[in-house]
Amino acid sequence: MSILLIIFALLMGGLVSIYLPMITQTAKILNSAPLANVPFFGVALLSSIGIAVLTGSRERDFSGISSLPIWLLSAGVMSAIMVLGSSYLIPRIGLNAFFVLLVSGQVIAGMVFSQFGFFGTPISTVSVAKFVGAVMVILGAGLVTYK
């Protein structure tokens, strides 16, 4: 794996650490977690269209959206749940615990999905080293979460 890909993935993790608390603040200001999703997804839609156009997508490319299977569109629902969940959890359990538990869930799901190649991911068999690493992440989550 190239160092640039690793850096990019780390930067994306940093962005998640910024945008979820921002959505939480939006929910506080609007006094509604569901309403906080509205400006978030509005800006996300406009940004996504702009990025697609700037990177070469054309009108005919956009027409392919209507052919997507419904189950793939459920990612939008998952995103809304993610935003709502973070707006609810961060003020109650704190940012550190939230992100450590979030990453733990990602590690567990990632291992399962990679083991079986779910959602078109490359198959990567769970080894003893990967399992031990996942256990260490989960134990670390326990140390951060419980005082």
Protein backbone atom coordinates (compact mmCIF):
# COMPACT_ATOMS: atom_id res chain seq x y z
CA MET A 1 0.00 0.00 0.00
CA SER A 2 1.45 3.36 -0.98
CA ILE A 3 2.25 6.02 1.60
CA LEU A 4 0.04 8.51 -0.30
CA LEU A 5 -2.98 6.22 0.08
CA ILE A 6 -2.27 5.86 3.79
CA ILE A 7 -1.99 9.63 4.20
CA PHE A 8 -5.22 10.16 2.25
CA ALA A 9 -7.07 7.64 4.45
CA LEU A 10 -5.72 9.33 7.59
CA LEU A 11 -6.88 12.71 6.29
CA MET A 12 -10.33 11.28 5.66
CA GLY A 13 -10.39 10.04 9.25
CA GLY A 14 -9.51 13.54 10.35
CA LEU A 15 -12.37 14.95 8.29
CA VAL A 16 -14.82 12.59 9.98
CA SER A 17 -13.48 13.85 13.31
CA ILE A 18 -14.34 17.38 12.23
CA TYR A 19 -17.61 17.06 10.37
CA LEU A 20 -19.53 14.89 12.85
CA PRO A 21 -19.02 17.34 15.74
CA MET A 22 -19.98 20.15 13.33
CA ILE A 23 -23.25 18.37 12.60
CA THR A 24 -23.76 17.96 16.35
CA GLN A 25 -23.36 21.73 16.78
CA THR A 26 -25.82 22.32 13.94
CA ALA A 27 -28.33 20.07 15.71
CA LYS A 28 -27.86 22.04 18.93
CA ILE A 29 -28.34 25.38 17.17
CA LEU A 30 -31.44 24.15 15.31
CA ASN A 31 -32.63 22.19 18.35
CA SER A 32 -33.26 19.20 16.08
CA ALA A 33 -30.94 16.42 14.97
CA PRO A 34 -33.15 15.46 12.01
CA LEU A 35 -33.31 19.07 10.87
CA ALA A 36 -29.50 19.31 11.09
CA ASN A 37 -29.38 16.77 8.26
CA VAL A 38 -31.19 19.08 5.85
CA PRO A 39 -28.51 21.74 5.29
CA PHE A 40 -25.80 19.04 5.53
CA PHE A 41 -27.28 16.95 2.74
CA GLY A 42 -28.20 20.02 0.69
CA VAL A 43 -24.59 21.21 0.68
CA ALA A 44 -23.37 17.63 0.16
CA LEU A 45 -25.60 17.25 -2.91
CA LEU A 46 -24.43 20.50 -4.47
CA SER A 47 -20.79 19.71 -3.65
CA SER A 48 -21.09 16.21 -5.11
CA ILE A 49 -22.59 17.52 -8.36
CA GLY A 50 -19.87 20.17 -8.62
CA ILE A 51 -17.07 17.68 -7.97
CA ALA A 52 -18.56 15.23 -10.48
CA VAL A 53 -18.74 17.92 -13.17
CA LEU A 54 -15.26 19.26 -12.40
CA THR A 55 -13.77 15.77 -12.64
CA GLY A 56 -15.31 15.04 -16.03
CA SER A 57 -18.79 13.60 -15.46
CA ARG A 58 -21.22 14.65 -18.14
CA GLU A 59 -25.01 14.63 -18.50
CA ARG A 60 -25.08 11.07 -19.87
CA ASP A 61 -23.09 9.92 -16.83
CA PHE A 62 -25.70 11.39 -14.49
CA SER A 63 -28.46 9.43 -16.26
CA GLY A 64 -26.89 6.21 -14.94
CA ILE A 65 -27.96 7.17 -11.42
CA SER A 66 -31.53 6.05 -12.16
CA SER A 67 -30.28 2.52 -12.94
CA LEU A 68 -28.69 1.99 -9.52
CA PRO A 69 -30.13 -0.88 -7.50
CA ILE A 70 -32.32 0.25 -4.59
CA TRP A 71 -30.09 -1.50 -2.06
CA LEU A 72 -27.18 0.77 -3.04
CA LEU A 73 -29.34 3.83 -2.41
CA SER A 74 -29.73 2.66 1.19
CA ALA A 75 -26.28 4.18 1.77
CA GLY A 76 -28.08 7.54 1.88
CA VAL A 77 -30.25 6.25 4.72
CA MET A 78 -27.14 4.96 6.48
CA SER A 79 -25.53 8.37 6.12
CA ALA A 80 -28.57 10.05 7.63
CA ILE A 81 -28.53 7.58 10.53
CA MET A 82 -24.80 8.24 10.99
CA VAL A 83 -25.38 11.97 11.23
CA LEU A 84 -28.38 11.58 13.54
CA GLY A 85 -26.54 9.04 15.68
CA SER A 86 -23.50 11.25 16.09
CA SER A 87 -25.70 14.22 16.97
CA TYR A 88 -27.31 12.12 19.68
CA LEU A 89 -24.25 10.25 20.99
CA ILE A 90 -21.44 12.84 21.02
CA PRO A 91 -23.06 15.10 23.65
CA ARG A 92 -23.90 12.05 25.79
CA ILE A 93 -20.76 9.89 25.67
CA GLY A 94 -18.15 12.40 24.51
CA LEU A 95 -16.06 12.71 21.38
CA ASN A 96 -13.25 10.35 22.45
CA ALA A 97 -15.53 7.46 23.36
CA PHE A 98 -17.67 8.03 20.28
CA PHE A 99 -14.77 7.86 17.83
CA VAL A 100 -13.04 4.94 19.52
CA LEU A 101 -16.28 2.95 19.48
CA LEU A 102 -16.95 4.06 15.90
CA VAL A 103 -13.54 2.83 14.79
CA SER A 104 -14.00 -0.43 16.70
CA GLY A 105 -17.24 -1.04 14.85
CA GLN A 106 -15.51 -0.25 11.56
CA VAL A 107 -12.67 -2.67 12.32
CA ILE A 108 -15.07 -5.50 13.18
CA ALA A 109 -17.32 -4.86 10.16
CA GLY A 110 -14.31 -4.40 7.89
CA MET A 111 -12.87 -7.75 8.91
CA VAL A 112 -16.17 -9.53 8.26
CA PHE A 113 -16.79 -7.77 4.95
CA SER A 114 -13.21 -8.39 3.77
CA GLN A 115 -13.31 -12.05 4.82
CA PHE A 116 -16.26 -12.72 2.53
CA GLY A 117 -15.79 -9.96 -0.08
CA PHE A 118 -19.11 -8.31 0.77
CA PHE A 119 -20.11 -5.21 -1.21
CA GLY A 120 -17.45 -5.86 -3.83
CA THR A 121 -14.52 -5.46 -1.45
CA PRO A 122 -11.33 -7.43 -2.13
CA ILE A 123 -11.24 -10.67 -0.14
CA SER A 124 -8.71 -10.54 2.68
CA THR A 125 -8.70 -13.57 4.95
CA VAL A 126 -8.69 -12.90 8.68
CA SER A 127 -5.32 -13.99 10.03
CA VAL A 128 -4.24 -14.43 13.62
CA ALA A 129 -2.34 -11.12 13.43
CA LYS A 130 -5.41 -9.27 12.11
CA PHE A 131 -7.60 -10.85 14.77
CA VAL A 132 -5.15 -9.89 17.53
CA GLY A 133 -4.99 -6.35 16.12
CA ALA A 134 -8.79 -6.10 16.15
CA VAL A 135 -8.91 -7.37 19.74
CA MET A 136 -6.33 -4.72 20.69
CA VAL A 137 -8.46 -2.00 19.08
CA ILE A 138 -11.53 -3.23 20.98
CA LEU A 139 -9.58 -3.41 24.26
CA GLY A 140 -8.31 0.11 23.58
CA ALA A 141 -11.91 1.21 23.06
CA GLY A 142 -12.71 -0.22 26.47
CA LEU A 143 -9.83 1.68 28.07
CA VAL A 144 -10.89 4.96 26.47
CA THR A 145 -14.61 4.44 27.06
CA TYR A 146 -14.59 3.28 30.67
CA LYS A 147 -12.77 5.44 33.15
